[in-house]
Amino acid sequence: MIDLRSDTVTQPSEEMRFAMANAAVGDDVFKEDPTVIELEAFGAQLFDKEAALFCSSGTQTNQIAINVHVQPGGEVICHEESHIYKYEGGGIAKNTGASVRLLPGDRGRITAANIAQWINPPHDVHFPLTQLVSIEDTANRGGGAVYDTEELARISAFCKAQNLPLHLDGARVFNALAVNQLPAATYGAFYDSISVCLSKGLGAPVGSLLIGSAAFIEKARRVRKVFGGGMRQAGIIAAGGLYALKYNVDRLKVDHLHALRLGEALQNCGKIESVLPVQTNIVVAILKDPEQRDLFIEALKNKGILCMAFGPGMIRMVTHLNVSESDCQYCSEIIEKM
């Protein structure tokens, strides 16, 4: 099967498996795992931050960041389709006891002007205190949409002026960097905290990094422990993430080219009404007949191609390092014949 459901289905390469099998390990809760320490230092340095924390998932890094930044009863501003709100099990309410202000926006992206309208008056007891702004780049529900860097600069400047921390859900941040061509260190300056998934297009089997100041990460380490996220000889999995950061970032552009090809094929398919603009490795298509969505997915499955439902009348395909050029060509030919 050619699996286009998500870039979370990637398999570690032989070279990554070798690095994991031979990783030096120690007790990470005691801060004694040398491979975890190396991964955290490498990730922090990439974004020119002081420290990082290795966690089991992107949901965990996001939820830890929110818990550190926000007090119970506070409010988080984010896009209405953001992952931290839609796909993290109600964690903002359950883990932090915070409310959310959901903003509309273009393909998962919000603006500084939009944020400015929804800062609650701090001296009016009727309103929760606005305590965090979170953005997602790339925006999953926007079909992998990338933020304009000038808008990011405006959002960052506004948040600093308001003394509001800005968090990045960077599940696919290196896909965004492949498009906007900013150095990670320059990009990292926009944010107070950054979540980076290692287990999507980068190809590691598990893990995410939470990146920020030394003081922030020290607080985050305590929250990780409380959330049950303290790991022991975690160097075995950290080695996969370290390999991914060192060797799998530059090749993300290949995934983007494959996604463009799939997007063109879907545009040429008689059953498809439209395709969201393809910027990175996510392709979202809207069917002419929404009732045909599941039949369309099943027809592709019968041809050896897996994709997923993405809402009423919508499907999603995601390219990754286990999707070859020949796989992409085969999928495109099948789609165009449907």
C-alpha atoms as a PDB file:
ATOM      1  CA  MET A   1       0.000   0.000   0.000  1.00  0.00           C
ATOM      2  CA  ILE A   2       1.091   3.564  -0.716  1.00  0.00           C
ATOM      3  CA  ASP A   3       0.154   5.273   2.528  1.00  0.00           C
ATOM      4  CA  LEU A   4      -0.806   8.933   2.073  1.00  0.00           C
ATOM      5  CA  ARG A   5      -2.953   9.209   5.200  1.00  0.00           C
ATOM      6  CA  SER A   6      -0.324  11.115   7.179  1.00  0.00           C
ATOM      7  CA  ASP A   7       3.393  11.767   7.463  1.00  0.00           C
ATOM      8  CA  THR A   8       3.187  10.079  10.874  1.00  0.00           C
ATOM      9  CA  VAL A   9       3.262   6.658   9.170  1.00  0.00           C
ATOM     10  CA  THR A  10       6.915   6.934   8.150  1.00  0.00           C
ATOM     11  CA  GLN A  11       9.257   4.040   8.854  1.00  0.00           C
ATOM     12  CA  PRO A  12      12.769   4.676  10.222  1.00  0.00           C
ATOM     13  CA  SER A  13      15.526   4.055   7.692  1.00  0.00           C
ATOM     14  CA  GLU A  14      18.258   1.481   8.257  1.00  0.00           C
ATOM     15  CA  GLU A  15      20.668   4.294   9.109  1.00  0.00           C
ATOM     16  CA  MET A  16      18.252   5.700  11.690  1.00  0.00           C
ATOM     17  CA  ARG A  17      17.679   2.244  13.157  1.00  0.00           C
ATOM     18  CA  PHE A  18      21.446   1.781  13.462  1.00  0.00           C
ATOM     19  CA  ALA A  19      21.788   5.106  15.288  1.00  0.00           C
ATOM     20  CA  MET A  20      18.986   4.126  17.671  1.00  0.00           C
ATOM     21  CA  ALA A  21      20.342   0.642  18.335  1.00  0.00           C
ATOM     22  CA  ASN A  22      23.763   2.045  19.201  1.00  0.00           C
ATOM     23  CA  ALA A  23      22.681   5.106  21.188  1.00  0.00           C
ATOM     24  CA  ALA A  24      24.361   5.866  24.492  1.00  0.00           C
ATOM     25  CA  VAL A  25      21.691   5.982  27.206  1.00  0.00           C
ATOM     26  CA  GLY A  26      21.161   7.023  30.803  1.00  0.00           C
ATOM     27  CA  ASP A  27      18.302   8.047  33.074  1.00  0.00           C
ATOM     28  CA  ASP A  28      16.711  11.107  31.501  1.00  0.00           C
ATOM     29  CA  VAL A  29      14.673  12.008  34.599  1.00  0.00           C
ATOM     30  CA  PHE A  30      18.035  12.341  36.352  1.00  0.00           C
ATOM     31  CA  LYS A  31      19.233  14.387  33.337  1.00  0.00           C
ATOM     32  CA  GLU A  32      21.812  11.682  32.642  1.00  0.00           C
ATOM     33  CA  ASP A  33      20.931  10.429  29.153  1.00  0.00           C
ATOM     34  CA  PRO A  34      23.727  11.678  26.859  1.00  0.00           C
ATOM     35  CA  THR A  35      21.755  11.210  23.637  1.00  0.00           C
ATOM     36  CA  VAL A  36      18.739  13.099  24.975  1.00  0.00           C
ATOM     37  CA  ILE A  37      21.047  15.864  26.174  1.00  0.00           C
ATOM     38  CA  GLU A  38      22.658  16.054  22.722  1.00  0.00           C
ATOM     39  CA  LEU A  39      19.267  16.154  20.964  1.00  0.00           C
ATOM     40  CA  GLU A  40      17.946  18.897  23.246  1.00  0.00           C
ATOM     41  CA  ALA A  41      21.076  21.005  22.789  1.00  0.00           C
ATOM     42  CA  PHE A  42      21.026  20.497  19.015  1.00  0.00           C
ATOM     43  CA  GLY A  43      17.353  21.501  18.731  1.00  0.00           C
ATOM     44  CA  ALA A  44      17.740  24.552  20.964  1.00  0.00           C
ATOM     45  CA  GLN A  45      20.789  25.728  19.025  1.00  0.00           C
ATOM     46  CA  LEU A  46      18.956  25.399  15.698  1.00  0.00           C
ATOM     47  CA  PHE A  47      16.383  27.959  16.825  1.00  0.00           C
ATOM     48  CA  ASP A  48      18.867  30.037  18.831  1.00  0.00           C
ATOM     49  CA  LYS A  49      17.120  29.309  22.115  1.00  0.00           C
ATOM     50  CA  GLU A  50      18.644  28.448  25.476  1.00  0.00           C
ATOM     51  CA  ALA A  51      17.172  25.020  26.095  1.00  0.00           C
ATOM     52  CA  ALA A  52      14.878  22.237  24.931  1.00  0.00           C
ATOM     53  CA  LEU A  53      12.949  19.331  26.420  1.00  0.00           C
ATOM     54  CA  PHE A  54      12.454  15.957  24.736  1.00  0.00           C
ATOM     55  CA  CYS A  55       8.877  14.676  25.018  1.00  0.00           C
ATOM     56  CA  SER A  56       6.883  11.762  23.685  1.00  0.00           C
ATOM     57  CA  SER A  57       4.603  13.703  21.315  1.00  0.00           C
ATOM     58  CA  GLY A  58       3.649  17.047  19.845  1.00  0.00           C
ATOM     59  CA  THR A  59       0.450  17.038  21.839  1.00  0.00           C
ATOM     60  CA  GLN A  60       2.529  16.699  24.988  1.00  0.00           C
ATOM     61  CA  THR A  61       4.881  19.554  24.072  1.00  0.00           C
ATOM     62  CA  ASN A  62       1.941  21.811  23.191  1.00  0.00           C
ATOM     63  CA  GLN A  63       0.046  20.984  26.368  1.00  0.00           C
ATOM     64  CA  ILE A  64       3.113  21.461  28.554  1.00  0.00           C
ATOM     65  CA  ALA A  65       3.776  24.848  26.957  1.00  0.00           C
ATOM     66  CA  ILE A  66       0.188  25.976  27.527  1.00  0.00           C
ATOM     67  CA  ASN A  67       0.344  24.786  31.134  1.00  0.00           C
ATOM     68  CA  VAL A  68       3.518  26.772  31.782  1.00  0.00           C
ATOM     69  CA  HIS A  69       2.322  29.956  30.083  1.00  0.00           C
ATOM     70  CA  VAL A  70      -1.302  30.036  31.277  1.00  0.00           C
ATOM     71  CA  GLN A  71      -2.848  30.100  34.735  1.00  0.00           C
ATOM     72  CA  PRO A  72      -6.170  28.318  35.421  1.00  0.00           C
ATOM     73  CA  GLY A  73      -8.996  30.565  34.300  1.00  0.00           C
ATOM     74  CA  GLY A  74      -6.839  32.311  31.721  1.00  0.00           C
ATOM     75  CA  GLU A  75      -7.510  32.395  27.994  1.00  0.00           C
ATOM     76  CA  VAL A  76      -5.586  31.170  24.958  1.00  0.00           C
ATOM     77  CA  ILE A  77      -6.012  32.839  21.570  1.00  0.00           C
ATOM     78  CA  CYS A  78      -5.701  30.504  18.582  1.00  0.00           C
ATOM     79  CA  HIS A  79      -7.255  29.752  15.195  1.00  0.00           C
ATOM     80  CA  GLU A  80     -10.592  27.937  15.301  1.00  0.00           C
ATOM     81  CA  GLU A  81      -9.104  24.988  13.372  1.00  0.00           C
ATOM     82  CA  SER A  82      -5.879  24.790  15.354  1.00  0.00           C
ATOM     83  CA  HIS A  83      -4.512  21.437  16.478  1.00  0.00           C
ATOM     84  CA  ILE A  84      -4.195  22.502  20.123  1.00  0.00           C
ATOM     85  CA  TYR A  85      -7.959  23.054  20.179  1.00  0.00           C
ATOM     86  CA  LYS A  86      -9.392  20.441  17.801  1.00  0.00           C
ATOM     87  CA  TYR A  87      -7.122  17.439  18.135  1.00  0.00           C
ATOM     88  CA  GLU A  88      -5.649  17.345  21.619  1.00  0.00           C
ATOM     89  CA  GLY A  89      -8.552  15.830  23.509  1.00  0.00           C
ATOM     90  CA  GLY A  90      -9.732  18.993  25.223  1.00  0.00           C
ATOM     91  CA  GLY A  91      -6.341  19.252  26.888  1.00  0.00           C
ATOM     92  CA  ILE A  92      -6.436  23.037  27.322  1.00  0.00           C
ATOM     93  CA  ALA A  93      -9.487  22.697  29.558  1.00  0.00           C
ATOM     94  CA  LYS A  94      -8.492  19.446  31.267  1.00  0.00           C
ATOM     95  CA  ASN A  95      -4.780  20.055  31.841  1.00  0.00           C
ATOM     96  CA  THR A  96      -4.696  23.800  32.459  1.00  0.00           C
ATOM     97  CA  GLY A  97      -8.270  24.817  33.254  1.00  0.00           C
ATOM     98  CA  ALA A  98      -8.113  27.550  30.634  1.00  0.00           C
ATOM     99  CA  SER A  99     -10.597  28.866  28.102  1.00  0.00           C
ATOM    100  CA  VAL A 100      -9.934  29.555  24.440  1.00  0.00           C
ATOM    101  CA  ARG A 101     -10.710  32.431  22.121  1.00  0.00           C
ATOM    102  CA  LEU A 102     -11.144  30.912  18.663  1.00  0.00           C
ATOM    103  CA  LEU A 103     -10.396  33.200  15.740  1.00  0.00           C
ATOM    104  CA  PRO A 104     -11.320  32.735  12.089  1.00  0.00           C
ATOM    105  CA  GLY A 105      -8.604  33.175   9.509  1.00  0.00           C
ATOM    106  CA  ASP A 106      -7.274  32.263   6.094  1.00  0.00           C
ATOM    107  CA  ARG A 107      -6.504  28.524   5.898  1.00  0.00           C
ATOM    108  CA  GLY A 108      -5.628  28.159   9.556  1.00  0.00           C
ATOM    109  CA  ARG A 109      -3.715  31.423   9.865  1.00  0.00           C
ATOM    110  CA  ILE A 110      -4.532  34.441  12.012  1.00  0.00           C
ATOM    111  CA  THR A 111      -3.242  38.024  11.896  1.00  0.00           C
ATOM    112  CA  ALA A 112      -1.939  40.556  14.383  1.00  0.00           C
ATOM    113  CA  ALA A 113      -4.904  42.810  13.618  1.00  0.00           C
ATOM    114  CA  ASN A 114      -7.325  39.985  14.362  1.00  0.00           C
ATOM    115  CA  ILE A 115      -5.555  39.105  17.607  1.00  0.00           C
ATOM    116  CA  ALA A 116      -5.606  42.746  18.722  1.00  0.00           C
ATOM    117  CA  GLN A 117      -9.423  42.807  18.592  1.00  0.00           C
ATOM    118  CA  TRP A 118      -9.718  39.989  21.110  1.00  0.00           C
ATOM    119  CA  ILE A 119      -7.383  40.917  23.949  1.00  0.00           C
ATOM    120  CA  ASN A 120      -9.660  40.936  26.970  1.00  0.00           C
ATOM    121  CA  PRO A 121      -9.665  44.076  29.166  1.00  0.00           C
ATOM    122  CA  PRO A 122      -7.417  43.131  32.110  1.00  0.00           C
ATOM    123  CA  HIS A 123      -9.321  45.159  34.702  1.00  0.00           C
ATOM    124  CA  ASP A 124     -12.791  43.876  33.820  1.00  0.00           C
ATOM    125  CA  VAL A 125     -13.556  40.890  36.054  1.00  0.00           C
ATOM    126  CA  HIS A 126     -16.196  39.632  33.637  1.00  0.00           C
ATOM    127  CA  PHE A 127     -13.503  38.404  31.251  1.00  0.00           C
ATOM    128  CA  PRO A 128     -10.740  35.817  31.565  1.00  0.00           C
ATOM    129  CA  LEU A 129      -7.233  37.215  31.318  1.00  0.00           C
ATOM    130  CA  THR A 130      -5.700  36.782  27.872  1.00  0.00           C
ATOM    131  CA  GLN A 131      -2.458  34.936  28.642  1.00  0.00           C
ATOM    132  CA  LEU A 132      -1.186  33.243  25.466  1.00  0.00           C
ATOM    133  CA  VAL A 133      -1.313  33.418  21.686  1.00  0.00           C
ATOM    134  CA  SER A 134      -0.648  30.189  19.799  1.00  0.00           C
ATOM    135  CA  ILE A 135      -0.179  29.761  16.066  1.00  0.00           C
ATOM    136  CA  GLU A 136       0.362  26.685  13.896  1.00  0.00           C
ATOM    137  CA  ASP A 137       2.891  26.763  11.062  1.00  0.00           C
ATOM    138  CA  THR A 138       2.338  24.955   8.795  1.00  0.00           C
ATOM    139  CA  ALA A 139      -1.426  24.925   9.389  1.00  0.00           C
ATOM    140  CA  ASN A 140      -2.686  21.360   9.067  1.00  0.00           C
ATOM    141  CA  ARG A 141      -6.366  22.164   8.516  1.00  0.00           C
ATOM    142  CA  GLY A 142      -5.344  24.807   5.989  1.00  0.00           C
ATOM    143  CA  GLY A 143      -3.773  22.157   3.800  1.00  0.00           C
ATOM    144  CA  GLY A 144      -0.239  22.812   5.013  1.00  0.00           C
ATOM    145  CA  ALA A 145      -0.481  26.580   4.632  1.00  0.00           C
ATOM    146  CA  VAL A 146       2.619  28.601   5.553  1.00  0.00           C
ATOM    147  CA  TYR A 147       2.525  31.905   7.424  1.00  0.00           C
ATOM    148  CA  ASP A 148       3.811  35.024   5.694  1.00  0.00           C
ATOM    149  CA  THR A 149       6.972  36.032   7.548  1.00  0.00           C
ATOM    150  CA  GLU A 150       6.006  39.706   7.630  1.00  0.00           C
ATOM    151  CA  GLU A 151       2.753  38.769   9.340  1.00  0.00           C
ATOM    152  CA  LEU A 152       4.658  36.632  11.822  1.00  0.00           C
ATOM    153  CA  ALA A 153       6.851  39.635  12.604  1.00  0.00           C
ATOM    154  CA  ARG A 154       3.739  41.743  13.231  1.00  0.00           C
ATOM    155  CA  ILE A 155       2.205  39.073  15.477  1.00  0.00           C
ATOM    156  CA  SER A 156       5.446  38.703  17.417  1.00  0.00           C
ATOM    157  CA  ALA A 157       5.875  42.469  17.856  1.00  0.00           C
ATOM    158  CA  PHE A 158       2.273  42.851  19.012  1.00  0.00           C
ATOM    159  CA  CYS A 159       2.592  40.029  21.549  1.00  0.00           C
ATOM    160  CA  LYS A 160       5.822  41.493  22.928  1.00  0.00           C
ATOM    161  CA  ALA A 161       4.187  44.902  23.268  1.00  0.00           C
ATOM    162  CA  GLN A 162       1.290  43.299  25.151  1.00  0.00           C
ATOM    163  CA  ASN A 163       3.634  41.181  27.289  1.00  0.00           C
ATOM    164  CA  LEU A 164       1.856  38.113  25.892  1.00  0.00           C
ATOM    165  CA  PRO A 165       3.852  34.931  25.251  1.00  0.00           C
ATOM    166  CA  LEU A 166       3.661  33.544  21.708  1.00  0.00           C
ATOM    167  CA  HIS A 167       3.751  29.770  21.223  1.00  0.00           C
ATOM    168  CA  LEU A 168       4.392  27.925  17.979  1.00  0.00           C
ATOM    169  CA  ASP A 169       2.794  24.584  17.279  1.00  0.00           C
ATOM    170  CA  GLY A 170       5.539  23.678  14.828  1.00  0.00           C
ATOM    171  CA  ALA A 171       4.489  20.123  14.100  1.00  0.00           C
ATOM    172  CA  ARG A 172       5.696  20.728  10.528  1.00  0.00           C
ATOM    173  CA  VAL A 173       7.844  23.804  11.106  1.00  0.00           C
ATOM    174  CA  PHE A 174      10.671  22.564   8.888  1.00  0.00           C
ATOM    175  CA  ASN A 175       8.199  22.273   6.017  1.00  0.00           C
ATOM    176  CA  ALA A 176       7.412  25.945   6.591  1.00  0.00           C
ATOM    177  CA  LEU A 177      11.103  26.842   6.678  1.00  0.00           C
ATOM    178  CA  ALA A 178      11.644  24.994   3.400  1.00  0.00           C
ATOM    179  CA  VAL A 179       9.127  27.388   1.835  1.00  0.00           C
ATOM    180  CA  ASN A 180       9.920  30.719   3.486  1.00  0.00           C
ATOM    181  CA  GLN A 181      13.691  30.098   3.373  1.00  0.00           C
ATOM    182  CA  LEU A 182      14.265  31.749   6.755  1.00  0.00           C
ATOM    183  CA  PRO A 183      17.098  30.412   8.920  1.00  0.00           C
ATOM    184  CA  ALA A 184      15.636  28.551  11.890  1.00  0.00           C
ATOM    185  CA  ALA A 185      17.398  30.929  14.285  1.00  0.00           C
ATOM    186  CA  THR A 186      15.807  33.988  12.647  1.00  0.00           C
ATOM    187  CA  TYR A 187      12.410  32.314  12.631  1.00  0.00           C
ATOM    188  CA  GLY A 188      12.779  31.186  16.252  1.00  0.00           C
ATOM    189  CA  ALA A 189      13.177  34.783  17.424  1.00  0.00           C
ATOM    190  CA  PHE A 190       9.458  35.357  16.817  1.00  0.00           C
ATOM    191  CA  TYR A 191       8.437  32.938  19.588  1.00  0.00           C
ATOM    192  CA  ASP A 192       8.657  32.399  23.322  1.00  0.00           C
ATOM    193  CA  SER A 193       8.175  28.657  22.962  1.00  0.00           C
ATOM    194  CA  ILE A 194       8.337  26.249  20.031  1.00  0.00           C
ATOM    195  CA  SER A 195       7.027  22.707  19.639  1.00  0.00           C
ATOM    196  CA  VAL A 196       8.787  20.628  16.993  1.00  0.00           C
ATOM    197  CA  CYS A 197       7.577  17.173  15.916  1.00  0.00           C
ATOM    198  CA  LEU A 198      10.308  14.719  14.983  1.00  0.00           C
ATOM    199  CA  SER A 199       7.885  11.960  13.999  1.00  0.00           C
ATOM    200  CA  LYS A 200       6.222  13.483  10.939  1.00  0.00           C
ATOM    201  CA  GLY A 201       8.096  14.395   7.748  1.00  0.00           C
ATOM    202  CA  LEU A 202      11.422  14.134   9.544  1.00  0.00           C
ATOM    203  CA  GLY A 203      10.827  10.407   9.857  1.00  0.00           C
ATOM    204  CA  ALA A 204      11.651   9.618  13.488  1.00  0.00           C
ATOM    205  CA  PRO A 205       9.428   6.922  15.018  1.00  0.00           C
ATOM    206  CA  VAL A 206       8.498   8.935  18.120  1.00  0.00           C
ATOM    207  CA  GLY A 207       9.112  12.204  19.913  1.00  0.00           C
ATOM    208  CA  SER A 208       8.908  15.995  19.890  1.00  0.00           C
ATOM    209  CA  LEU A 209      10.978  18.853  21.266  1.00  0.00           C
ATOM    210  CA  LEU A 210       9.740  21.803  23.303  1.00  0.00           C
ATOM    211  CA  ILE A 211      12.136  24.724  22.894  1.00  0.00           C
ATOM    212  CA  GLY A 212      12.465  28.003  24.783  1.00  0.00           C
ATOM    213  CA  SER A 213      14.397  29.861  27.464  1.00  0.00           C
ATOM    214  CA  ALA A 214      16.251  27.979  30.209  1.00  0.00           C
ATOM    215  CA  ALA A 215      13.763  29.204  32.822  1.00  0.00           C
ATOM    216  CA  PHE A 216      10.787  28.160  30.686  1.00  0.00           C
ATOM    217  CA  ILE A 217      12.204  24.689  30.042  1.00  0.00           C
ATOM    218  CA  GLU A 218      12.956  24.157  33.730  1.00  0.00           C
ATOM    219  CA  LYS A 219       9.277  24.784  34.483  1.00  0.00           C
ATOM    220  CA  ALA A 220       8.294  22.595  31.529  1.00  0.00           C
ATOM    221  CA  ARG A 221      10.395  19.729  32.881  1.00  0.00           C
ATOM    222  CA  ARG A 222       8.371  19.761  36.086  1.00  0.00           C
ATOM    223  CA  VAL A 223       5.083  19.803  34.149  1.00  0.00           C
ATOM    224  CA  ARG A 224       6.292  16.911  31.973  1.00  0.00           C
ATOM    225  CA  LYS A 225       6.887  14.873  35.125  1.00  0.00           C
ATOM    226  CA  VAL A 226       3.431  15.725  36.485  1.00  0.00           C
ATOM    227  CA  PHE A 227       1.885  14.703  33.146  1.00  0.00           C
ATOM    228  CA  GLY A 228       3.616  11.329  33.433  1.00  0.00           C
ATOM    229  CA  GLY A 229       6.050  12.166  30.657  1.00  0.00           C
ATOM    230  CA  GLY A 230       9.320  11.530  32.469  1.00  0.00           C
ATOM    231  CA  MET A 231      11.267   8.917  30.484  1.00  0.00           C
ATOM    232  CA  ARG A 232      14.245   6.859  31.596  1.00  0.00           C
ATOM    233  CA  GLN A 233      16.686   5.456  29.006  1.00  0.00           C
ATOM    234  CA  ALA A 234      15.112   7.604  26.320  1.00  0.00           C
ATOM    235  CA  GLY A 235      18.290   7.928  24.271  1.00  0.00           C
ATOM    236  CA  ILE A 236      17.158   5.017  22.112  1.00  0.00           C
ATOM    237  CA  ILE A 237      14.293   7.066  20.722  1.00  0.00           C
ATOM    238  CA  ALA A 238      16.093  10.403  21.010  1.00  0.00           C
ATOM    239  CA  ALA A 239      18.742   9.052  18.623  1.00  0.00           C
ATOM    240  CA  GLY A 240      16.064   8.723  15.945  1.00  0.00           C
ATOM    241  CA  GLY A 241      15.085  12.358  16.435  1.00  0.00           C
ATOM    242  CA  LEU A 242      18.701  13.506  16.367  1.00  0.00           C
ATOM    243  CA  TYR A 243      19.312  11.621  13.125  1.00  0.00           C
ATOM    244  CA  ALA A 244      16.148  13.173  11.672  1.00  0.00           C
ATOM    245  CA  LEU A 245      17.246  16.727  12.467  1.00  0.00           C
ATOM    246  CA  LYS A 246      20.712  16.155  11.066  1.00  0.00           C
ATOM    247  CA  TYR A 247      19.860  14.324   7.855  1.00  0.00           C
ATOM    248  CA  ASN A 248      16.145  14.554   6.961  1.00  0.00           C
ATOM    249  CA  VAL A 249      15.418  18.288   6.912  1.00  0.00           C
ATOM    250  CA  ASP A 250      16.749  19.223   3.477  1.00  0.00           C
ATOM    251  CA  ARG A 251      14.869  16.442   1.711  1.00  0.00           C
ATOM    252  CA  LEU A 252      11.452  17.843   2.743  1.00  0.00           C
ATOM    253  CA  LYS A 253      11.458  19.813  -0.512  1.00  0.00           C
ATOM    254  CA  VAL A 254      11.091  16.498  -2.353  1.00  0.00           C
ATOM    255  CA  ASP A 255       7.868  15.828  -0.447  1.00  0.00           C
ATOM    256  CA  HIS A 256       6.605  19.250  -1.506  1.00  0.00           C
ATOM    257  CA  LEU A 257       7.233  18.462  -5.174  1.00  0.00           C
ATOM    258  CA  HIS A 258       5.396  15.158  -4.821  1.00  0.00           C
ATOM    259  CA  ALA A 259       2.464  16.928  -3.162  1.00  0.00           C
ATOM    260  CA  LEU A 260       2.263  19.409  -6.040  1.00  0.00           C
ATOM    261  CA  ARG A 261       2.049  16.507  -8.483  1.00  0.00           C
ATOM    262  CA  LEU A 262      -0.763  14.890  -6.501  1.00  0.00           C
ATOM    263  CA  GLY A 263      -2.556  18.230  -6.322  1.00  0.00           C
ATOM    264  CA  GLU A 264      -2.405  18.566 -10.104  1.00  0.00           C
ATOM    265  CA  ALA A 265      -3.757  15.036 -10.515  1.00  0.00           C
ATOM    266  CA  LEU A 266      -6.665  15.779  -8.197  1.00  0.00           C
ATOM    267  CA  GLN A 267      -7.432  18.973 -10.110  1.00  0.00           C
ATOM    268  CA  ASN A 268      -7.648  16.832 -13.248  1.00  0.00           C
ATOM    269  CA  CYS A 269      -9.959  14.291 -11.609  1.00  0.00           C
ATOM    270  CA  GLY A 270     -13.595  14.560 -12.658  1.00  0.00           C
ATOM    271  CA  LYS A 271     -14.846  13.832  -9.142  1.00  0.00           C
ATOM    272  CA  ILE A 272     -12.966  16.721  -7.514  1.00  0.00           C
ATOM    273  CA  GLU A 273     -14.454  20.205  -7.198  1.00  0.00           C
ATOM    274  CA  SER A 274     -11.324  21.973  -5.960  1.00  0.00           C
ATOM    275  CA  VAL A 275      -7.964  21.542  -4.247  1.00  0.00           C
ATOM    276  CA  LEU A 276      -6.596  23.858  -1.587  1.00  0.00           C
ATOM    277  CA  PRO A 277      -3.388  25.594  -2.733  1.00  0.00           C
ATOM    278  CA  VAL A 278      -0.501  23.174  -2.198  1.00  0.00           C
ATOM    279  CA  GLN A 279       2.426  24.822  -0.429  1.00  0.00           C
ATOM    280  CA  THR A 280       4.045  21.965   1.440  1.00  0.00           C
ATOM    281  CA  ASN A 281       3.390  18.229   1.821  1.00  0.00           C
ATOM    282  CA  ILE A 282      -0.360  18.283   2.522  1.00  0.00           C
ATOM    283  CA  VAL A 283      -2.980  18.042  -0.205  1.00  0.00           C
ATOM    284  CA  VAL A 284      -6.638  18.684   0.640  1.00  0.00           C
ATOM    285  CA  ALA A 285      -9.303  18.081  -2.012  1.00  0.00           C
ATOM    286  CA  ILE A 286     -13.040  18.814  -1.978  1.00  0.00           C
ATOM    287  CA  LEU A 287     -15.312  16.456  -3.884  1.00  0.00           C
ATOM    288  CA  LYS A 288     -18.097  17.628  -6.170  1.00  0.00           C
ATOM    289  CA  ASP A 289     -20.457  15.232  -4.422  1.00  0.00           C
ATOM    290  CA  PRO A 290     -19.758  15.144  -0.666  1.00  0.00           C
ATOM    291  CA  GLU A 291     -21.707  11.902  -0.363  1.00  0.00           C
ATOM    292  CA  GLN A 292     -19.103  10.180  -2.543  1.00  0.00           C
ATOM    293  CA  ARG A 293     -16.198  10.844  -0.165  1.00  0.00           C
ATOM    294  CA  ASP A 294     -16.022   7.401   1.448  1.00  0.00           C
ATOM    295  CA  LEU A 295     -16.543   5.658  -1.888  1.00  0.00           C
ATOM    296  CA  PHE A 296     -13.688   7.692  -3.354  1.00  0.00           C
ATOM    297  CA  ILE A 297     -11.405   6.696  -0.471  1.00  0.00           C
ATOM    298  CA  GLU A 298     -12.406   3.045  -0.845  1.00  0.00           C
ATOM    299  CA  ALA A 299     -11.798   3.103  -4.598  1.00  0.00           C
ATOM    300  CA  LEU A 300      -8.268   4.391  -4.009  1.00  0.00           C
ATOM    301  CA  LYS A 301      -7.694   1.745  -1.350  1.00  0.00           C
ATOM    302  CA  ASN A 302      -8.669  -0.934  -3.851  1.00  0.00           C
ATOM    303  CA  LYS A 303      -5.888   0.402  -6.082  1.00  0.00           C
ATOM    304  CA  GLY A 304      -3.343   0.245  -3.262  1.00  0.00           C
ATOM    305  CA  ILE A 305      -3.530   3.901  -2.176  1.00  0.00           C
ATOM    306  CA  LEU A 306      -4.488   5.039   1.321  1.00  0.00           C
ATOM    307  CA  CYS A 307      -5.800   8.531   2.075  1.00  0.00           C
ATOM    308  CA  MET A 308      -8.097   9.879   4.772  1.00  0.00           C
ATOM    309  CA  ALA A 309     -11.343  11.756   5.265  1.00  0.00           C
ATOM    310  CA  PHE A 310     -10.761  15.355   6.320  1.00  0.00           C
ATOM    311  CA  GLY A 311     -14.262  16.651   6.890  1.00  0.00           C
ATOM    312  CA  PRO A 312     -17.553  16.572   4.976  1.00  0.00           C
ATOM    313  CA  GLY A 313     -16.765  15.969   1.311  1.00  0.00           C
ATOM    314  CA  MET A 314     -13.033  16.433   1.908  1.00  0.00           C
ATOM    315  CA  ILE A 315     -10.029  14.134   1.658  1.00  0.00           C
ATOM    316  CA  ARG A 316      -6.395  14.610   2.657  1.00  0.00           C
ATOM    317  CA  MET A 317      -3.190  13.187   1.213  1.00  0.00           C
ATOM    318  CA  VAL A 318       0.208  13.746   2.806  1.00  0.00           C
ATOM    319  CA  THR A 319       3.544  12.995   1.165  1.00  0.00           C
ATOM    320  CA  HIS A 320       6.576  11.868   3.163  1.00  0.00           C
ATOM    321  CA  LEU A 321       9.934  10.135   2.905  1.00  0.00           C
ATOM    322  CA  ASN A 322       8.390   6.718   2.267  1.00  0.00           C
ATOM    323  CA  VAL A 323       6.525   7.986  -0.811  1.00  0.00           C
ATOM    324  CA  SER A 324       8.833   7.691  -3.810  1.00  0.00           C
ATOM    325  CA  GLU A 325       8.687   9.469  -7.153  1.00  0.00           C
ATOM    326  CA  SER A 326       7.359   6.284  -8.767  1.00  0.00           C
ATOM    327  CA  ASP A 327       4.710   5.999  -6.020  1.00  0.00           C
ATOM    328  CA  CYS A 328       3.666   9.565  -6.728  1.00  0.00           C
ATOM    329  CA  GLN A 329       3.489   8.899 -10.469  1.00  0.00           C
ATOM    330  CA  TYR A 330       1.363   5.778  -9.949  1.00  0.00           C
ATOM    331  CA  CYS A 331      -1.031   7.621  -7.609  1.00  0.00           C
ATOM    332  CA  SER A 332      -1.368  10.517 -10.016  1.00  0.00           C
ATOM    333  CA  GLU A 333      -2.222   8.214 -12.920  1.00  0.00           C
ATOM    334  CA  ILE A 334      -4.868   6.362 -10.874  1.00  0.00           C
ATOM    335  CA  ILE A 335      -6.444   9.584  -9.600  1.00  0.00           C
ATOM    336  CA  GLU A 336      -6.665  11.175 -13.041  1.00  0.00           C
ATOM    337  CA  LYS A 337      -8.496   8.109 -14.394  1.00  0.00           C
ATOM    338  CA  MET A 338     -11.151   8.150 -11.671  1.00  0.00           C
END
